[in-house]
Amino acid sequence: MTALQPEGLSIQPRRIDFALPDVLPRHWHGADAFKTHFFNSMSILFPDGERFFIDSVRHYRPQIHDPEQLALIKGFIGQEGHHSHEHIEYNRRLSDLGYDVEKLTRPVQHRIRYANKHFSPERRLAATVAMEHFTAIMADAVLRDRGWFDGAIEPMQRIWRWHALEETEHKAVAFDVYMQVCGDRKLLRAAMRQSTFFFLKDVTRGMWHMLRRDGELSNITMWRQGMRWLWGKGGFFSSLWGAYRDFYREDFHPWQHDNQRLMRQCQQEFTVNETPASI
């Protein structure tokens, strides 16, 4: 195990009743269509993506013999599996509002099938490591600044903070497995460039679809304010640039972004159920 790993780190999947409304408010993020559909578009990607992450790490579990690392892998699989379940429920509510979730997930499923058929296990794991870095730096932003969810209804704030906390706890698991079984930094950097392209494409596609269904595509004010919130100075994405760029360093490790104090603070918001999610 790496010396950067937080001492005593334990990864436990949490079973939490988020009490999502049966009829989700169409613009649950402060009546803001742009912000709402930015997060909705990411939710649509999670169930298929997280199953891919689980499979890519599980493939190498027989090669791992350190008991501590095996426990972290087990926790990673449990957390990601439970995330998939909760976002399926979330996405069902989006379908109920008239958004074509099946249409939006189809390209993701196609790419995963292609990767499973044509990519090596090392390349699939590299893609997982890249996307885990993406989710980790976004999770840090969500946990560090509650302002990103100002105006959002409480159940949605809670589900995104829960997801962000668990992404933080297991942010180095896939990376550590990759470095043990492969360690090719060039492959990691290529995976990050590819993952960045498809992540931005998929989120944009999802937002475009949902905003069109809402009749908001011609709302110039919404676009101007939304793009400033996302890409402007101090915006959600623009503020992540430094942390994102660190991934390309030859000596990078996820816990060099040492936010374990923040993680410990946020753990107090949630209770770990004694019964872990199924793995």
C-alpha atoms as a PDB file:
ATOM      1  CA  MET A   1       0.000   0.000   0.000  1.00  0.00           C
ATOM      2  CA  THR A   2       1.139   3.531  -0.712  1.00  0.00           C
ATOM      3  CA  ALA A   3       2.407   5.709   2.108  1.00  0.00           C
ATOM      4  CA  LEU A   4      -0.022   8.405   0.937  1.00  0.00           C
ATOM      5  CA  GLN A   5      -3.029   6.269   1.882  1.00  0.00           C
ATOM      6  CA  PRO A   6      -4.833   7.827   4.889  1.00  0.00           C
ATOM      7  CA  GLU A   7      -4.106   5.882   8.051  1.00  0.00           C
ATOM      8  CA  GLY A   8      -6.946   3.623   9.110  1.00  0.00           C
ATOM      9  CA  LEU A   9      -8.968   4.227   5.923  1.00  0.00           C
ATOM     10  CA  SER A  10     -12.018   1.998   5.836  1.00  0.00           C
ATOM     11  CA  ILE A  11     -14.365   1.930   2.863  1.00  0.00           C
ATOM     12  CA  GLN A  12     -17.929   1.003   3.732  1.00  0.00           C
ATOM     13  CA  PRO A  13     -20.975   1.249   1.447  1.00  0.00           C
ATOM     14  CA  ARG A  14     -23.818   3.148   3.104  1.00  0.00           C
ATOM     15  CA  ARG A  15     -27.489   2.260   2.864  1.00  0.00           C
ATOM     16  CA  ILE A  16     -29.364   5.544   3.186  1.00  0.00           C
ATOM     17  CA  ASP A  17     -32.985   6.474   2.576  1.00  0.00           C
ATOM     18  CA  PHE A  18     -32.715   9.647   0.510  1.00  0.00           C
ATOM     19  CA  ALA A  19     -36.489  10.049   0.262  1.00  0.00           C
ATOM     20  CA  LEU A  20     -36.332  11.248  -3.334  1.00  0.00           C
ATOM     21  CA  PRO A  21     -39.689  12.732  -4.364  1.00  0.00           C
ATOM     22  CA  ASP A  22     -41.800  10.321  -6.409  1.00  0.00           C
ATOM     23  CA  VAL A  23     -42.355  13.239  -8.755  1.00  0.00           C
ATOM     24  CA  LEU A  24     -38.988  14.958  -8.988  1.00  0.00           C
ATOM     25  CA  PRO A  25     -39.270  18.727  -9.470  1.00  0.00           C
ATOM     26  CA  ARG A  26     -38.362  19.403 -13.077  1.00  0.00           C
ATOM     27  CA  HIS A  27     -35.821  22.047 -12.061  1.00  0.00           C
ATOM     28  CA  TRP A  28     -34.902  20.880  -8.582  1.00  0.00           C
ATOM     29  CA  HIS A  29     -31.727  22.993  -8.410  1.00  0.00           C
ATOM     30  CA  GLY A  30     -33.162  26.366  -7.411  1.00  0.00           C
ATOM     31  CA  ALA A  31     -35.530  26.440 -10.408  1.00  0.00           C
ATOM     32  CA  ASP A  32     -32.399  26.612 -12.597  1.00  0.00           C
ATOM     33  CA  ALA A  33     -32.703  24.383 -15.666  1.00  0.00           C
ATOM     34  CA  PHE A  34     -28.991  24.555 -16.555  1.00  0.00           C
ATOM     35  CA  LYS A  35     -27.670  23.500 -13.137  1.00  0.00           C
ATOM     36  CA  THR A  36     -30.375  20.857 -12.697  1.00  0.00           C
ATOM     37  CA  HIS A  37     -29.653  19.188 -16.020  1.00  0.00           C
ATOM     38  CA  PHE A  38     -25.900  19.384 -15.572  1.00  0.00           C
ATOM     39  CA  PHE A  39     -26.202  17.092 -12.558  1.00  0.00           C
ATOM     40  CA  ASN A  40     -29.017  15.043 -14.126  1.00  0.00           C
ATOM     41  CA  SER A  41     -26.815  14.368 -17.154  1.00  0.00           C
ATOM     42  CA  MET A  42     -24.045  12.997 -14.944  1.00  0.00           C
ATOM     43  CA  SER A  43     -26.521  10.791 -13.076  1.00  0.00           C
ATOM     44  CA  ILE A  44     -27.600   9.205 -16.344  1.00  0.00           C
ATOM     45  CA  LEU A  45     -24.004   8.106 -16.989  1.00  0.00           C
ATOM     46  CA  PHE A  46     -23.368   6.533 -13.587  1.00  0.00           C
ATOM     47  CA  PRO A  47     -25.151   3.131 -13.581  1.00  0.00           C
ATOM     48  CA  ASP A  48     -23.436   1.781 -16.708  1.00  0.00           C
ATOM     49  CA  GLY A  49     -20.158   3.547 -15.964  1.00  0.00           C
ATOM     50  CA  GLU A  50     -19.904   2.262 -12.428  1.00  0.00           C
ATOM     51  CA  ARG A  51     -20.596  -1.322 -13.472  1.00  0.00           C
ATOM     52  CA  PHE A  52     -17.722  -0.943 -15.938  1.00  0.00           C
ATOM     53  CA  PHE A  53     -15.487   0.381 -13.137  1.00  0.00           C
ATOM     54  CA  ILE A  54     -16.379  -2.556 -10.898  1.00  0.00           C
ATOM     55  CA  ASP A  55     -15.660  -5.105 -13.624  1.00  0.00           C
ATOM     56  CA  SER A  56     -12.309  -3.543 -14.527  1.00  0.00           C
ATOM     57  CA  VAL A  57     -11.079  -3.667 -10.924  1.00  0.00           C
ATOM     58  CA  ARG A  58     -12.631  -7.044 -10.113  1.00  0.00           C
ATOM     59  CA  HIS A  59     -10.743  -8.599 -13.036  1.00  0.00           C
ATOM     60  CA  TYR A  60      -7.464  -8.027 -11.182  1.00  0.00           C
ATOM     61  CA  ARG A  61      -8.605  -8.935  -7.677  1.00  0.00           C
ATOM     62  CA  PRO A  62      -7.110 -12.470  -7.873  1.00  0.00           C
ATOM     63  CA  GLN A  63      -3.678 -10.865  -8.406  1.00  0.00           C
ATOM     64  CA  ILE A  64      -3.905  -8.804  -5.196  1.00  0.00           C
ATOM     65  CA  HIS A  65      -2.724 -10.543  -2.028  1.00  0.00           C
ATOM     66  CA  ASP A  66      -2.411  -7.728   0.517  1.00  0.00           C
ATOM     67  CA  PRO A  67      -5.359  -8.066   2.963  1.00  0.00           C
ATOM     68  CA  GLU A  68      -5.676  -4.298   3.462  1.00  0.00           C
ATOM     69  CA  GLN A  69      -5.797  -3.646  -0.260  1.00  0.00           C
ATOM     70  CA  LEU A  70      -8.305  -6.454  -0.760  1.00  0.00           C
ATOM     71  CA  ALA A  71     -10.543  -4.902   1.915  1.00  0.00           C
ATOM     72  CA  LEU A  72     -10.392  -1.553   0.097  1.00  0.00           C
ATOM     73  CA  ILE A  73     -11.254  -3.240  -3.207  1.00  0.00           C
ATOM     74  CA  LYS A  74     -14.230  -4.913  -1.556  1.00  0.00           C
ATOM     75  CA  GLY A  75     -15.376  -1.553  -0.215  1.00  0.00           C
ATOM     76  CA  PHE A  76     -14.887   0.080  -3.627  1.00  0.00           C
ATOM     77  CA  ILE A  77     -17.031  -2.569  -5.322  1.00  0.00           C
ATOM     78  CA  GLY A  78     -19.707  -2.247  -2.657  1.00  0.00           C
ATOM     79  CA  GLN A  79     -19.854   1.536  -2.848  1.00  0.00           C
ATOM     80  CA  GLU A  80     -19.898   1.665  -6.643  1.00  0.00           C
ATOM     81  CA  GLY A  81     -22.584  -1.017  -6.791  1.00  0.00           C
ATOM     82  CA  HIS A  82     -24.784   0.924  -4.395  1.00  0.00           C
ATOM     83  CA  HIS A  83     -24.189   4.160  -6.337  1.00  0.00           C
ATOM     84  CA  SER A  84     -25.448   2.398  -9.453  1.00  0.00           C
ATOM     85  CA  HIS A  85     -28.606   1.302  -7.635  1.00  0.00           C
ATOM     86  CA  GLU A  86     -29.395   4.766  -6.275  1.00  0.00           C
ATOM     87  CA  HIS A  87     -28.810   6.467  -9.614  1.00  0.00           C
ATOM     88  CA  ILE A  88     -31.080   3.958 -11.349  1.00  0.00           C
ATOM     89  CA  GLU A  89     -33.818   5.166  -8.983  1.00  0.00           C
ATOM     90  CA  TYR A  90     -32.856   8.780  -9.640  1.00  0.00           C
ATOM     91  CA  ASN A  91     -32.880   8.178 -13.405  1.00  0.00           C
ATOM     92  CA  ARG A  92     -36.282   6.490 -13.228  1.00  0.00           C
ATOM     93  CA  ARG A  93     -37.680   9.772 -11.951  1.00  0.00           C
ATOM     94  CA  LEU A  94     -36.077  11.550 -14.883  1.00  0.00           C
ATOM     95  CA  SER A  95     -37.815   9.106 -17.228  1.00  0.00           C
ATOM     96  CA  ASP A  96     -41.093   9.831 -15.482  1.00  0.00           C
ATOM     97  CA  LEU A  97     -40.614  13.514 -16.329  1.00  0.00           C
ATOM     98  CA  GLY A  98     -40.431  12.634 -20.026  1.00  0.00           C
ATOM     99  CA  TYR A  99     -36.668  12.606 -20.609  1.00  0.00           C
ATOM    100  CA  ASP A 100     -35.448   9.763 -22.811  1.00  0.00           C
ATOM    101  CA  VAL A 101     -32.942   8.174 -20.457  1.00  0.00           C
ATOM    102  CA  GLU A 102     -32.736   5.019 -22.569  1.00  0.00           C
ATOM    103  CA  LYS A 103     -31.733   7.053 -25.633  1.00  0.00           C
ATOM    104  CA  LEU A 104     -29.070   8.917 -23.658  1.00  0.00           C
ATOM    105  CA  THR A 105     -27.549   5.772 -22.180  1.00  0.00           C
ATOM    106  CA  ARG A 106     -27.411   3.870 -25.470  1.00  0.00           C
ATOM    107  CA  PRO A 107     -24.093   5.389 -26.715  1.00  0.00           C
ATOM    108  CA  VAL A 108     -22.474   4.751 -23.320  1.00  0.00           C
ATOM    109  CA  GLN A 109     -23.565   1.125 -23.363  1.00  0.00           C
ATOM    110  CA  HIS A 110     -22.302   0.750 -26.933  1.00  0.00           C
ATOM    111  CA  ARG A 111     -18.860   2.110 -25.986  1.00  0.00           C
ATOM    112  CA  ILE A 112     -18.646  -0.177 -22.978  1.00  0.00           C
ATOM    113  CA  ARG A 113     -19.525  -3.224 -25.088  1.00  0.00           C
ATOM    114  CA  TYR A 114     -16.880  -2.174 -27.607  1.00  0.00           C
ATOM    115  CA  ALA A 115     -14.264  -1.653 -24.876  1.00  0.00           C
ATOM    116  CA  ASN A 116     -15.021  -5.015 -23.268  1.00  0.00           C
ATOM    117  CA  LYS A 117     -14.630  -6.739 -26.639  1.00  0.00           C
ATOM    118  CA  HIS A 118     -11.639  -4.904 -28.098  1.00  0.00           C
ATOM    119  CA  PHE A 119      -9.646  -3.300 -25.249  1.00  0.00           C
ATOM    120  CA  SER A 120      -7.150  -5.088 -23.034  1.00  0.00           C
ATOM    121  CA  PRO A 121      -7.920  -5.407 -19.309  1.00  0.00           C
ATOM    122  CA  GLU A 122      -5.087  -2.905 -18.657  1.00  0.00           C
ATOM    123  CA  ARG A 123      -6.671  -0.340 -20.961  1.00  0.00           C
ATOM    124  CA  ARG A 124     -10.095  -0.814 -19.369  1.00  0.00           C
ATOM    125  CA  LEU A 125      -8.604  -0.352 -15.932  1.00  0.00           C
ATOM    126  CA  ALA A 126      -6.761   2.771 -17.133  1.00  0.00           C
ATOM    127  CA  ALA A 127     -10.094   4.213 -18.283  1.00  0.00           C
ATOM    128  CA  THR A 128     -11.522   3.495 -14.839  1.00  0.00           C
ATOM    129  CA  VAL A 129      -8.586   5.233 -13.149  1.00  0.00           C
ATOM    130  CA  ALA A 130      -9.079   8.284 -15.373  1.00  0.00           C
ATOM    131  CA  MET A 131     -12.789   8.581 -14.639  1.00  0.00           C
ATOM    132  CA  GLU A 132     -12.218   7.981 -10.930  1.00  0.00           C
ATOM    133  CA  HIS A 133      -9.933  11.024 -10.965  1.00  0.00           C
ATOM    134  CA  PHE A 134     -12.667  13.039 -12.652  1.00  0.00           C
ATOM    135  CA  THR A 135     -15.226  12.022 -10.047  1.00  0.00           C
ATOM    136  CA  ALA A 136     -12.749  12.569  -7.197  1.00  0.00           C
ATOM    137  CA  ILE A 137     -11.962  16.173  -8.076  1.00  0.00           C
ATOM    138  CA  MET A 138     -15.638  16.979  -8.662  1.00  0.00           C
ATOM    139  CA  ALA A 139     -16.468  15.273  -5.368  1.00  0.00           C
ATOM    140  CA  ASP A 140     -13.918  17.425  -3.567  1.00  0.00           C
ATOM    141  CA  ALA A 141     -15.573  20.557  -4.962  1.00  0.00           C
ATOM    142  CA  VAL A 142     -19.028  19.380  -3.861  1.00  0.00           C
ATOM    143  CA  LEU A 143     -17.851  18.567  -0.328  1.00  0.00           C
ATOM    144  CA  ARG A 144     -15.700  21.661   0.052  1.00  0.00           C
ATOM    145  CA  ASP A 145     -18.253  24.253  -1.051  1.00  0.00           C
ATOM    146  CA  ARG A 146     -21.944  23.762  -0.319  1.00  0.00           C
ATOM    147  CA  GLY A 147     -22.584  26.767  -2.518  1.00  0.00           C
ATOM    148  CA  TRP A 148     -22.574  24.553  -5.599  1.00  0.00           C
ATOM    149  CA  PHE A 149     -25.973  23.308  -4.428  1.00  0.00           C
ATOM    150  CA  ASP A 150     -27.442  26.569  -3.164  1.00  0.00           C
ATOM    151  CA  GLY A 151     -31.177  26.460  -3.789  1.00  0.00           C
ATOM    152  CA  ALA A 152     -31.352  22.730  -4.511  1.00  0.00           C
ATOM    153  CA  ILE A 153     -33.953  20.656  -2.701  1.00  0.00           C
ATOM    154  CA  GLU A 154     -32.569  18.861   0.344  1.00  0.00           C
ATOM    155  CA  PRO A 155     -32.853  15.227  -0.885  1.00  0.00           C
ATOM    156  CA  MET A 156     -30.847  16.065  -4.000  1.00  0.00           C
ATOM    157  CA  GLN A 157     -28.184  17.900  -2.030  1.00  0.00           C
ATOM    158  CA  ARG A 158     -27.924  14.873   0.220  1.00  0.00           C
ATOM    159  CA  ILE A 159     -27.634  12.251  -2.525  1.00  0.00           C
ATOM    160  CA  TRP A 160     -24.884  14.217  -4.281  1.00  0.00           C
ATOM    161  CA  ARG A 161     -22.923  14.810  -1.072  1.00  0.00           C
ATOM    162  CA  TRP A 162     -23.214  11.111  -0.193  1.00  0.00           C
ATOM    163  CA  HIS A 163     -21.922  10.158  -3.626  1.00  0.00           C
ATOM    164  CA  ALA A 164     -19.127  12.723  -3.349  1.00  0.00           C
ATOM    165  CA  LEU A 165     -18.053  11.424   0.066  1.00  0.00           C
ATOM    166  CA  GLU A 166     -17.802   7.819  -1.094  1.00  0.00           C
ATOM    167  CA  GLU A 167     -15.982   8.820  -4.297  1.00  0.00           C
ATOM    168  CA  THR A 168     -13.466  10.581  -2.062  1.00  0.00           C
ATOM    169  CA  GLU A 169     -13.025   7.571   0.225  1.00  0.00           C
ATOM    170  CA  HIS A 170     -12.233   5.182  -2.623  1.00  0.00           C
ATOM    171  CA  LYS A 171     -10.552   7.626  -5.016  1.00  0.00           C
ATOM    172  CA  ALA A 172      -7.204   5.764  -5.027  1.00  0.00           C
ATOM    173  CA  VAL A 173      -8.395   2.140  -5.107  1.00  0.00           C
ATOM    174  CA  ALA A 174      -8.435   1.659  -8.883  1.00  0.00           C
ATOM    175  CA  PHE A 175      -5.238   3.717  -9.205  1.00  0.00           C
ATOM    176  CA  ASP A 176      -3.356   1.553  -6.702  1.00  0.00           C
ATOM    177  CA  VAL A 177      -4.510  -1.649  -8.403  1.00  0.00           C
ATOM    178  CA  TYR A 178      -3.437  -0.259 -11.777  1.00  0.00           C
ATOM    179  CA  MET A 179       0.008   0.727 -10.522  1.00  0.00           C
ATOM    180  CA  GLN A 180       0.495  -2.743  -9.081  1.00  0.00           C
ATOM    181  CA  VAL A 181      -0.601  -4.724 -12.142  1.00  0.00           C
ATOM    182  CA  CYS A 182       0.477  -2.385 -14.964  1.00  0.00           C
ATOM    183  CA  GLY A 183       1.839   1.043 -14.033  1.00  0.00           C
ATOM    184  CA  ASP A 184       2.063   2.429 -17.585  1.00  0.00           C
ATOM    185  CA  ARG A 185       1.693   6.211 -17.163  1.00  0.00           C
ATOM    186  CA  LYS A 186       1.547   6.803 -20.907  1.00  0.00           C
ATOM    187  CA  LEU A 187      -1.527   4.584 -21.125  1.00  0.00           C
ATOM    188  CA  LEU A 188      -3.088   6.450 -18.197  1.00  0.00           C
ATOM    189  CA  ARG A 189      -2.596   9.824 -19.863  1.00  0.00           C
ATOM    190  CA  ALA A 190      -4.104   8.549 -23.111  1.00  0.00           C
ATOM    191  CA  ALA A 191      -7.062   7.155 -21.171  1.00  0.00           C
ATOM    192  CA  MET A 192      -7.598  10.505 -19.483  1.00  0.00           C
ATOM    193  CA  ARG A 193      -7.637  12.403 -22.774  1.00  0.00           C
ATOM    194  CA  GLN A 194     -10.166   9.959 -24.210  1.00  0.00           C
ATOM    195  CA  SER A 195     -12.275   9.915 -21.055  1.00  0.00           C
ATOM    196  CA  THR A 196     -12.342  13.709 -20.915  1.00  0.00           C
ATOM    197  CA  PHE A 197     -13.625  13.924 -24.480  1.00  0.00           C
ATOM    198  CA  PHE A 198     -16.423  11.412 -23.977  1.00  0.00           C
ATOM    199  CA  PHE A 199     -17.419  12.711 -20.534  1.00  0.00           C
ATOM    200  CA  LEU A 200     -17.869  16.263 -21.816  1.00  0.00           C
ATOM    201  CA  LYS A 201     -19.630  14.994 -24.933  1.00  0.00           C
ATOM    202  CA  ASP A 202     -22.053  12.827 -22.952  1.00  0.00           C
ATOM    203  CA  VAL A 203     -22.874  15.506 -20.380  1.00  0.00           C
ATOM    204  CA  THR A 204     -23.418  18.092 -23.113  1.00  0.00           C
ATOM    205  CA  ARG A 205     -25.620  15.682 -25.045  1.00  0.00           C
ATOM    206  CA  GLY A 206     -27.718  14.953 -21.966  1.00  0.00           C
ATOM    207  CA  MET A 207     -28.134  18.619 -21.110  1.00  0.00           C
ATOM    208  CA  TRP A 208     -29.083  19.500 -24.696  1.00  0.00           C
ATOM    209  CA  HIS A 209     -31.751  16.764 -24.748  1.00  0.00           C
ATOM    210  CA  MET A 210     -33.319  17.761 -21.425  1.00  0.00           C
ATOM    211  CA  LEU A 211     -33.204  21.490 -22.089  1.00  0.00           C
ATOM    212  CA  ARG A 212     -34.835  20.905 -25.477  1.00  0.00           C
ATOM    213  CA  ARG A 213     -37.614  18.851 -23.836  1.00  0.00           C
ATOM    214  CA  ASP A 214     -38.123  21.755 -21.422  1.00  0.00           C
ATOM    215  CA  GLY A 215     -38.267  24.314 -24.213  1.00  0.00           C
ATOM    216  CA  GLU A 216     -35.227  26.132 -22.785  1.00  0.00           C
ATOM    217  CA  LEU A 217     -32.749  25.893 -25.668  1.00  0.00           C
ATOM    218  CA  SER A 218     -33.469  29.453 -26.795  1.00  0.00           C
ATOM    219  CA  ASN A 219     -33.163  30.906 -23.270  1.00  0.00           C
ATOM    220  CA  ILE A 220     -30.110  33.119 -23.820  1.00  0.00           C
ATOM    221  CA  THR A 221     -30.024  34.344 -20.218  1.00  0.00           C
ATOM    222  CA  MET A 222     -29.986  30.783 -18.918  1.00  0.00           C
ATOM    223  CA  TRP A 223     -27.107  29.843 -21.227  1.00  0.00           C
ATOM    224  CA  ARG A 224     -25.082  32.922 -20.336  1.00  0.00           C
ATOM    225  CA  GLN A 225     -25.501  32.434 -16.583  1.00  0.00           C
ATOM    226  CA  GLY A 226     -25.043  28.660 -16.815  1.00  0.00           C
ATOM    227  CA  MET A 227     -21.833  28.808 -18.834  1.00  0.00           C
ATOM    228  CA  ARG A 228     -20.444  31.391 -16.430  1.00  0.00           C
ATOM    229  CA  TRP A 229     -21.337  29.100 -13.500  1.00  0.00           C
ATOM    230  CA  LEU A 230     -19.633  26.157 -15.212  1.00  0.00           C
ATOM    231  CA  TRP A 231     -16.681  27.659 -17.097  1.00  0.00           C
ATOM    232  CA  GLY A 232     -16.292  31.238 -15.874  1.00  0.00           C
ATOM    233  CA  LYS A 233     -13.731  32.448 -13.352  1.00  0.00           C
ATOM    234  CA  GLY A 234     -14.181  30.295 -10.250  1.00  0.00           C
ATOM    235  CA  GLY A 235     -16.747  28.164 -12.116  1.00  0.00           C
ATOM    236  CA  PHE A 236     -17.439  24.540 -11.288  1.00  0.00           C
ATOM    237  CA  PHE A 237     -15.285  23.131 -14.087  1.00  0.00           C
ATOM    238  CA  SER A 238     -12.757  25.938 -14.405  1.00  0.00           C
ATOM    239  CA  SER A 239     -11.903  25.679 -10.699  1.00  0.00           C
ATOM    240  CA  LEU A 240     -10.944  22.019 -11.228  1.00  0.00           C
ATOM    241  CA  TRP A 241      -8.316  22.694 -13.883  1.00  0.00           C
ATOM    242  CA  GLY A 242      -5.262  22.522 -11.625  1.00  0.00           C
ATOM    243  CA  ALA A 243      -6.369  19.290  -9.939  1.00  0.00           C
ATOM    244  CA  TYR A 244      -7.294  17.786 -13.302  1.00  0.00           C
ATOM    245  CA  ARG A 245      -3.926  18.675 -14.819  1.00  0.00           C
ATOM    246  CA  ASP A 246      -2.041  17.017 -11.929  1.00  0.00           C
ATOM    247  CA  PHE A 247      -3.131  13.633 -13.265  1.00  0.00           C
ATOM    248  CA  TYR A 248      -0.673  13.998 -16.157  1.00  0.00           C
ATOM    249  CA  ARG A 249       2.362  14.250 -13.842  1.00  0.00           C
ATOM    250  CA  GLU A 250       4.669  11.244 -13.797  1.00  0.00           C
ATOM    251  CA  ASP A 251       4.591  11.018  -9.991  1.00  0.00           C
ATOM    252  CA  PHE A 252       0.887  11.684  -9.423  1.00  0.00           C
ATOM    253  CA  HIS A 253      -1.115   9.805  -6.801  1.00  0.00           C
ATOM    254  CA  PRO A 254      -4.757  10.663  -5.910  1.00  0.00           C
ATOM    255  CA  TRP A 255      -3.983  11.207  -2.220  1.00  0.00           C
ATOM    256  CA  GLN A 256      -1.492  13.940  -3.094  1.00  0.00           C
ATOM    257  CA  HIS A 257      -4.744  15.916  -3.118  1.00  0.00           C
ATOM    258  CA  ASP A 258      -4.940  15.478   0.640  1.00  0.00           C
ATOM    259  CA  ASN A 259      -8.543  16.184   1.587  1.00  0.00           C
ATOM    260  CA  GLN A 260      -8.833  13.547   4.280  1.00  0.00           C
ATOM    261  CA  ARG A 261      -9.701  16.127   6.953  1.00  0.00           C
ATOM    262  CA  LEU A 262     -12.622  17.264   4.814  1.00  0.00           C
ATOM    263  CA  MET A 263     -13.547  13.621   4.239  1.00  0.00           C
ATOM    264  CA  ARG A 264     -13.567  12.911   7.991  1.00  0.00           C
ATOM    265  CA  GLN A 265     -15.758  15.942   8.622  1.00  0.00           C
ATOM    266  CA  CYS A 266     -18.250  14.911   5.974  1.00  0.00           C
ATOM    267  CA  GLN A 267     -18.395  11.347   7.273  1.00  0.00           C
ATOM    268  CA  GLN A 268     -20.197  12.731  10.300  1.00  0.00           C
ATOM    269  CA  GLU A 269     -23.166  13.591   8.059  1.00  0.00           C
ATOM    270  CA  PHE A 270     -23.831   9.949   7.227  1.00  0.00           C
ATOM    271  CA  THR A 271     -24.127   6.759   9.217  1.00  0.00           C
ATOM    272  CA  VAL A 272     -22.598   3.551   7.920  1.00  0.00           C
ATOM    273  CA  ASN A 273     -25.164   0.763   8.089  1.00  0.00           C
ATOM    274  CA  GLU A 274     -23.924  -2.455   9.680  1.00  0.00           C
ATOM    275  CA  THR A 275     -25.177  -4.407   6.659  1.00  0.00           C
ATOM    276  CA  PRO A 276     -22.952  -3.646   3.638  1.00  0.00           C
ATOM    277  CA  ALA A 277     -24.324  -3.340   0.144  1.00  0.00           C
ATOM    278  CA  SER A 278     -24.125  -6.592  -1.801  1.00  0.00           C
ATOM    279  CA  ILE A 279     -20.922  -7.132  -3.756  1.00  0.00           C
END
